[in-house]
């Protein structure tokens, strides 16, 4: 009887290990719960005009959709634009034949790259907004924004997103007019 109990206990231990192993395989291999998973979106706000330029605010929305902390670095922002005299043409193989935007704000800093600040990590299910303030010429017609970064340290996996925005035709201003009391009569 005592030997039977020991055998049943050993069998239950083996079954528990098999179930736990199956669960770990399902979660971390099949469902990839230990892998970084992020969503990135971009928005562009035309703040106003000054000195012949549009002041713009780029917002990159990051969301960690995984169950692990995501570390990232080299969070780069690229802003390219079209002017009225630019032709609408496909780009080369390097940009997968997408529309070519020949002008970049990086020309103002001798081709150096621009980076968002505070790039470090996102906790599981955390959302974070990075902002970058810059300008484009006021007679620009379209703006192409790309944001990209590297997941670290598990793997150097590149994540990027891009969007195109139309430059507003005219500056929109909201003025709250205050009428004098005599105008109300």
C-alpha atoms as a PDB file:
ATOM      1  CA  UNK A   1       0.000   0.000   0.000  1.00  0.00           C
ATOM      2  CA  UNK A   2       2.798   2.363   0.943  1.00  0.00           C
ATOM      3  CA  UNK A   3       4.565   1.497  -2.316  1.00  0.00           C
ATOM      4  CA  UNK A   4       1.375   2.246  -4.300  1.00  0.00           C
ATOM      5  CA  UNK A   5       1.096   5.716  -2.768  1.00  0.00           C
ATOM      6  CA  UNK A   6       4.726   6.452  -3.655  1.00  0.00           C
ATOM      7  CA  UNK A   7       4.112   5.309  -7.232  1.00  0.00           C
ATOM      8  CA  UNK A   8       0.964   7.454  -7.562  1.00  0.00           C
ATOM      9  CA  UNK A   9       2.847  10.478  -6.146  1.00  0.00           C
ATOM     10  CA  UNK A  10       5.684   9.955  -8.639  1.00  0.00           C
ATOM     11  CA  UNK A  11       3.222   9.631 -11.547  1.00  0.00           C
ATOM     12  CA  UNK A  12       1.422  12.818 -10.433  1.00  0.00           C
ATOM     13  CA  UNK A  13       4.754  14.657 -10.285  1.00  0.00           C
ATOM     14  CA  UNK A  14       5.609  13.550 -13.798  1.00  0.00           C
ATOM     15  CA  UNK A  15       2.145  14.583 -15.030  1.00  0.00           C
ATOM     16  CA  UNK A  16       2.506  17.967 -13.315  1.00  0.00           C
ATOM     17  CA  UNK A  17       5.862  18.506 -15.006  1.00  0.00           C
ATOM     18  CA  UNK A  18       4.398  17.545 -18.392  1.00  0.00           C
ATOM     19  CA  UNK A  19       1.439  19.929 -17.929  1.00  0.00           C
ATOM     20  CA  UNK A  20       3.730  22.757 -16.750  1.00  0.00           C
ATOM     21  CA  UNK A  21       6.065  22.150 -19.683  1.00  0.00           C
ATOM     22  CA  UNK A  22       3.134  22.158 -22.095  1.00  0.00           C
ATOM     23  CA  UNK A  23       1.832  25.398 -20.603  1.00  0.00           C
ATOM     24  CA  UNK A  24       5.291  27.039 -20.862  1.00  0.00           C
ATOM     25  CA  UNK A  25       5.637  25.864 -24.465  1.00  0.00           C
ATOM     26  CA  UNK A  26       2.170  27.207 -25.309  1.00  0.00           C
ATOM     27  CA  UNK A  27       2.782  30.616 -23.703  1.00  0.00           C
ATOM     28  CA  UNK A  28       6.390  31.308 -24.596  1.00  0.00           C
ATOM     29  CA  UNK A  29       6.964  29.417 -27.837  1.00  0.00           C
ATOM     30  CA  UNK A  30       3.589  29.067 -29.544  1.00  0.00           C
ATOM     31  CA  UNK A  31       2.057  32.386 -28.373  1.00  0.00           C
ATOM     32  CA  UNK A  32       5.454  34.125 -28.073  1.00  0.00           C
ATOM     33  CA  UNK A  33       4.567  35.865 -24.789  1.00  0.00           C
ATOM     34  CA  UNK A  34       8.231  36.482 -24.053  1.00  0.00           C
ATOM     35  CA  UNK A  35       8.745  38.392 -27.313  1.00  0.00           C
ATOM     36  CA  UNK A  36       8.498  42.167 -27.562  1.00  0.00           C
ATOM     37  CA  UNK A  37       5.375  43.404 -29.305  1.00  0.00           C
ATOM     38  CA  UNK A  38       4.774  47.068 -29.853  1.00  0.00           C
ATOM     39  CA  UNK A  39       2.489  49.269 -31.857  1.00  0.00           C
ATOM     40  CA  UNK A  40       3.657  52.613 -33.197  1.00  0.00           C
ATOM     41  CA  UNK A  41       1.536  55.377 -34.692  1.00  0.00           C
ATOM     42  CA  UNK A  42       2.391  58.887 -35.829  1.00  0.00           C
ATOM     43  CA  UNK A  43       0.519  62.165 -35.794  1.00  0.00           C
ATOM     44  CA  UNK A  44       1.531  65.575 -37.113  1.00  0.00           C
ATOM     45  CA  UNK A  45       0.126  68.873 -35.901  1.00  0.00           C
ATOM     46  CA  UNK A  46       0.626  72.106 -37.820  1.00  0.00           C
ATOM     47  CA  UNK A  47       0.977  74.586 -34.965  1.00  0.00           C
ATOM     48  CA  UNK A  48       1.333  77.840 -36.931  1.00  0.00           C
ATOM     49  CA  UNK A  49       3.462  79.908 -39.292  1.00  0.00           C
ATOM     50  CA  UNK A  50       6.482  81.976 -38.326  1.00  0.00           C
ATOM     51  CA  UNK A  51       9.445  83.323 -40.316  1.00  0.00           C
ATOM     52  CA  UNK A  52       8.327  81.685 -43.576  1.00  0.00           C
ATOM     53  CA  UNK A  53       7.994  78.239 -41.986  1.00  0.00           C
ATOM     54  CA  UNK A  54       5.312  75.955 -40.584  1.00  0.00           C
ATOM     55  CA  UNK A  55       6.070  75.040 -36.973  1.00  0.00           C
ATOM     56  CA  UNK A  56       5.105  71.364 -36.633  1.00  0.00           C
ATOM     57  CA  UNK A  57       4.740  68.953 -33.717  1.00  0.00           C
ATOM     58  CA  UNK A  58       5.345  65.274 -34.436  1.00  0.00           C
ATOM     59  CA  UNK A  59       3.860  62.822 -31.945  1.00  0.00           C
ATOM     60  CA  UNK A  60       4.839  59.181 -31.968  1.00  0.00           C
ATOM     61  CA  UNK A  61       2.517  56.930 -29.967  1.00  0.00           C
ATOM     62  CA  UNK A  62       4.162  53.767 -28.640  1.00  0.00           C
ATOM     63  CA  UNK A  63       2.213  50.941 -27.065  1.00  0.00           C
ATOM     64  CA  UNK A  64       3.775  47.837 -25.540  1.00  0.00           C
ATOM     65  CA  UNK A  65       1.319  45.036 -26.297  1.00  0.00           C
ATOM     66  CA  UNK A  66       3.416  42.254 -24.833  1.00  0.00           C
ATOM     67  CA  UNK A  67       3.676  40.880 -21.315  1.00  0.00           C
ATOM     68  CA  UNK A  68       7.373  41.749 -20.998  1.00  0.00           C
ATOM     69  CA  UNK A  69       9.250  45.024 -20.569  1.00  0.00           C
ATOM     70  CA  UNK A  70      10.386  46.331 -23.946  1.00  0.00           C
ATOM     71  CA  UNK A  71      13.715  48.138 -24.097  1.00  0.00           C
ATOM     72  CA  UNK A  72      14.357  50.281 -27.139  1.00  0.00           C
ATOM     73  CA  UNK A  73      16.991  52.687 -28.390  1.00  0.00           C
ATOM     74  CA  UNK A  74      17.959  54.854 -31.370  1.00  0.00           C
ATOM     75  CA  UNK A  75      14.425  56.252 -31.685  1.00  0.00           C
ATOM     76  CA  UNK A  76      14.836  58.227 -34.871  1.00  0.00           C
ATOM     77  CA  UNK A  77      12.456  60.633 -36.592  1.00  0.00           C
ATOM     78  CA  UNK A  78      12.785  61.424 -40.298  1.00  0.00           C
ATOM     79  CA  UNK A  79      10.817  64.253 -41.899  1.00  0.00           C
ATOM     80  CA  UNK A  80      10.756  64.705 -45.649  1.00  0.00           C
ATOM     81  CA  UNK A  81       8.545  67.025 -47.682  1.00  0.00           C
ATOM     82  CA  UNK A  82       7.477  68.091 -51.154  1.00  0.00           C
ATOM     83  CA  UNK A  83       7.485  71.635 -52.539  1.00  0.00           C
ATOM     84  CA  UNK A  84       5.094  72.850 -55.289  1.00  0.00           C
ATOM     85  CA  UNK A  85       7.821  72.540 -57.958  1.00  0.00           C
ATOM     86  CA  UNK A  86       8.694  68.918 -57.048  1.00  0.00           C
ATOM     87  CA  UNK A  87       7.597  66.169 -59.398  1.00  0.00           C
ATOM     88  CA  UNK A  88       5.551  63.225 -58.138  1.00  0.00           C
ATOM     89  CA  UNK A  89       7.782  60.234 -58.896  1.00  0.00           C
ATOM     90  CA  UNK A  90       8.418  56.751 -57.594  1.00  0.00           C
ATOM     91  CA  UNK A  91      11.581  56.289 -55.593  1.00  0.00           C
ATOM     92  CA  UNK A  92      14.182  53.618 -56.092  1.00  0.00           C
ATOM     93  CA  UNK A  93      14.552  50.070 -54.863  1.00  0.00           C
ATOM     94  CA  UNK A  94      16.039  51.266 -51.539  1.00  0.00           C
ATOM     95  CA  UNK A  95      12.630  52.731 -50.580  1.00  0.00           C
ATOM     96  CA  UNK A  96      10.710  49.903 -52.263  1.00  0.00           C
ATOM     97  CA  UNK A  97       9.508  52.170 -55.097  1.00  0.00           C
ATOM     98  CA  UNK A  98       7.370  54.287 -52.774  1.00  0.00           C
ATOM     99  CA  UNK A  99       6.808  57.951 -53.586  1.00  0.00           C
ATOM    100  CA  UNK A 100      10.058  59.915 -53.553  1.00  0.00           C
ATOM    101  CA  UNK A 101      10.222  62.887 -51.168  1.00  0.00           C
ATOM    102  CA  UNK A 102      13.498  64.557 -52.224  1.00  0.00           C
ATOM    103  CA  UNK A 103      13.719  67.188 -49.456  1.00  0.00           C
ATOM    104  CA  UNK A 104      14.475  66.600 -45.793  1.00  0.00           C
ATOM    105  CA  UNK A 105      14.707  68.752 -42.692  1.00  0.00           C
ATOM    106  CA  UNK A 106      18.034  67.033 -42.018  1.00  0.00           C
ATOM    107  CA  UNK A 107      19.584  69.262 -44.714  1.00  0.00           C
ATOM    108  CA  UNK A 108      19.555  72.078 -42.125  1.00  0.00           C
ATOM    109  CA  UNK A 109      21.875  70.069 -39.838  1.00  0.00           C
ATOM    110  CA  UNK A 110      24.229  68.759 -42.542  1.00  0.00           C
ATOM    111  CA  UNK A 111      22.453  65.401 -42.929  1.00  0.00           C
ATOM    112  CA  UNK A 112      22.741  64.372 -39.266  1.00  0.00           C
ATOM    113  CA  UNK A 113      19.988  62.144 -37.900  1.00  0.00           C
ATOM    114  CA  UNK A 114      17.300  63.382 -35.493  1.00  0.00           C
ATOM    115  CA  UNK A 115      16.269  61.416 -32.425  1.00  0.00           C
ATOM    116  CA  UNK A 116      13.451  61.526 -29.881  1.00  0.00           C
ATOM    117  CA  UNK A 117      14.576  62.060 -26.292  1.00  0.00           C
ATOM    118  CA  UNK A 118      13.743  59.771 -23.353  1.00  0.00           C
ATOM    119  CA  UNK A 119      13.894  56.541 -25.352  1.00  0.00           C
ATOM    120  CA  UNK A 120      14.490  53.734 -22.846  1.00  0.00           C
ATOM    121  CA  UNK A 121      11.776  51.166 -22.112  1.00  0.00           C
ATOM    122  CA  UNK A 122       8.039  50.464 -21.960  1.00  0.00           C
ATOM    123  CA  UNK A 123       6.513  48.308 -19.260  1.00  0.00           C
ATOM    124  CA  UNK A 124       3.928  45.667 -20.223  1.00  0.00           C
ATOM    125  CA  UNK A 125       0.734  47.231 -21.607  1.00  0.00           C
ATOM    126  CA  UNK A 126       2.174  50.750 -21.205  1.00  0.00           C
ATOM    127  CA  UNK A 127       1.543  53.550 -23.710  1.00  0.00           C
ATOM    128  CA  UNK A 128       3.871  56.506 -24.184  1.00  0.00           C
ATOM    129  CA  UNK A 129       3.956  59.589 -26.432  1.00  0.00           C
ATOM    130  CA  UNK A 130       7.188  61.010 -27.767  1.00  0.00           C
ATOM    131  CA  UNK A 131       7.091  64.509 -29.279  1.00  0.00           C
ATOM    132  CA  UNK A 132       9.465  66.315 -31.606  1.00  0.00           C
ATOM    133  CA  UNK A 133       9.109  69.997 -32.564  1.00  0.00           C
ATOM    134  CA  UNK A 134      10.579  71.247 -35.859  1.00  0.00           C
ATOM    135  CA  UNK A 135       9.628  73.159 -38.995  1.00  0.00           C
ATOM    136  CA  UNK A 136       9.172  72.862 -42.749  1.00  0.00           C
ATOM    137  CA  UNK A 137       8.979  75.656 -45.365  1.00  0.00           C
ATOM    138  CA  UNK A 138       5.558  77.330 -45.354  1.00  0.00           C
ATOM    139  CA  UNK A 139       5.010  76.594 -49.045  1.00  0.00           C
ATOM    140  CA  UNK A 140       5.543  72.843 -48.595  1.00  0.00           C
ATOM    141  CA  UNK A 141       2.685  70.723 -49.922  1.00  0.00           C
ATOM    142  CA  UNK A 142       3.059  67.273 -48.302  1.00  0.00           C
ATOM    143  CA  UNK A 143       5.036  65.928 -45.351  1.00  0.00           C
ATOM    144  CA  UNK A 144       6.271  62.344 -44.940  1.00  0.00           C
ATOM    145  CA  UNK A 145       7.177  61.291 -41.391  1.00  0.00           C
ATOM    146  CA  UNK A 146       8.941  58.070 -40.426  1.00  0.00           C
ATOM    147  CA  UNK A 147       9.692  56.930 -36.875  1.00  0.00           C
ATOM    148  CA  UNK A 148      11.927  53.930 -36.216  1.00  0.00           C
ATOM    149  CA  UNK A 149      13.772  52.317 -33.314  1.00  0.00           C
ATOM    150  CA  UNK A 150      15.538  49.140 -32.239  1.00  0.00           C
ATOM    151  CA  UNK A 151      14.284  46.661 -29.641  1.00  0.00           C
ATOM    152  CA  UNK A 152      17.107  45.649 -27.288  1.00  0.00           C
ATOM    153  CA  UNK A 153      18.805  43.689 -25.766  1.00  0.00           C
ATOM    154  CA  UNK A 154      17.190  40.318 -26.666  1.00  0.00           C
ATOM    155  CA  UNK A 155      17.449  41.020 -30.374  1.00  0.00           C
ATOM    156  CA  UNK A 156      18.173  44.062 -32.442  1.00  0.00           C
ATOM    157  CA  UNK A 157      14.775  44.115 -34.123  1.00  0.00           C
ATOM    158  CA  UNK A 158      13.934  47.231 -36.119  1.00  0.00           C
ATOM    159  CA  UNK A 159      10.440  48.685 -35.738  1.00  0.00           C
ATOM    160  CA  UNK A 160       9.236  51.495 -37.942  1.00  0.00           C
ATOM    161  CA  UNK A 161       6.149  53.303 -39.106  1.00  0.00           C
ATOM    162  CA  UNK A 162       5.493  56.031 -41.634  1.00  0.00           C
ATOM    163  CA  UNK A 163       2.680  58.391 -42.571  1.00  0.00           C
ATOM    164  CA  UNK A 164       2.059  61.159 -45.064  1.00  0.00           C
ATOM    165  CA  UNK A 165       0.266  64.411 -44.238  1.00  0.00           C
ATOM    166  CA  UNK A 166      -1.105  67.227 -46.392  1.00  0.00           C
ATOM    167  CA  UNK A 167       0.068  70.706 -45.459  1.00  0.00           C
ATOM    168  CA  UNK A 168      -2.941  72.965 -44.732  1.00  0.00           C
ATOM    169  CA  UNK A 169      -3.702  75.418 -47.546  1.00  0.00           C
ATOM    170  CA  UNK A 170      -3.984  78.379 -45.181  1.00  0.00           C
ATOM    171  CA  UNK A 171      -3.366  79.047 -41.549  1.00  0.00           C
ATOM    172  CA  UNK A 172      -6.418  78.319 -39.414  1.00  0.00           C
ATOM    173  CA  UNK A 173      -6.851  80.657 -36.505  1.00  0.00           C
ATOM    174  CA  UNK A 174      -9.484  80.627 -33.850  1.00  0.00           C
ATOM    175  CA  UNK A 175     -10.350  84.085 -32.547  1.00  0.00           C
ATOM    176  CA  UNK A 176     -12.938  84.507 -29.838  1.00  0.00           C
ATOM    177  CA  UNK A 177     -14.594  87.809 -30.639  1.00  0.00           C
ATOM    178  CA  UNK A 178     -15.853  89.741 -27.656  1.00  0.00           C
ATOM    179  CA  UNK A 179     -18.668  92.100 -28.598  1.00  0.00           C
ATOM    180  CA  UNK A 180     -19.206  95.280 -26.629  1.00  0.00           C
ATOM    181  CA  UNK A 181     -22.439  95.503 -24.653  1.00  0.00           C
ATOM    182  CA  UNK A 182     -23.746  98.191 -27.017  1.00  0.00           C
ATOM    183  CA  UNK A 183     -23.592  95.746 -29.928  1.00  0.00           C
ATOM    184  CA  UNK A 184     -25.972  93.395 -28.165  1.00  0.00           C
ATOM    185  CA  UNK A 185     -28.830  95.940 -28.212  1.00  0.00           C
END
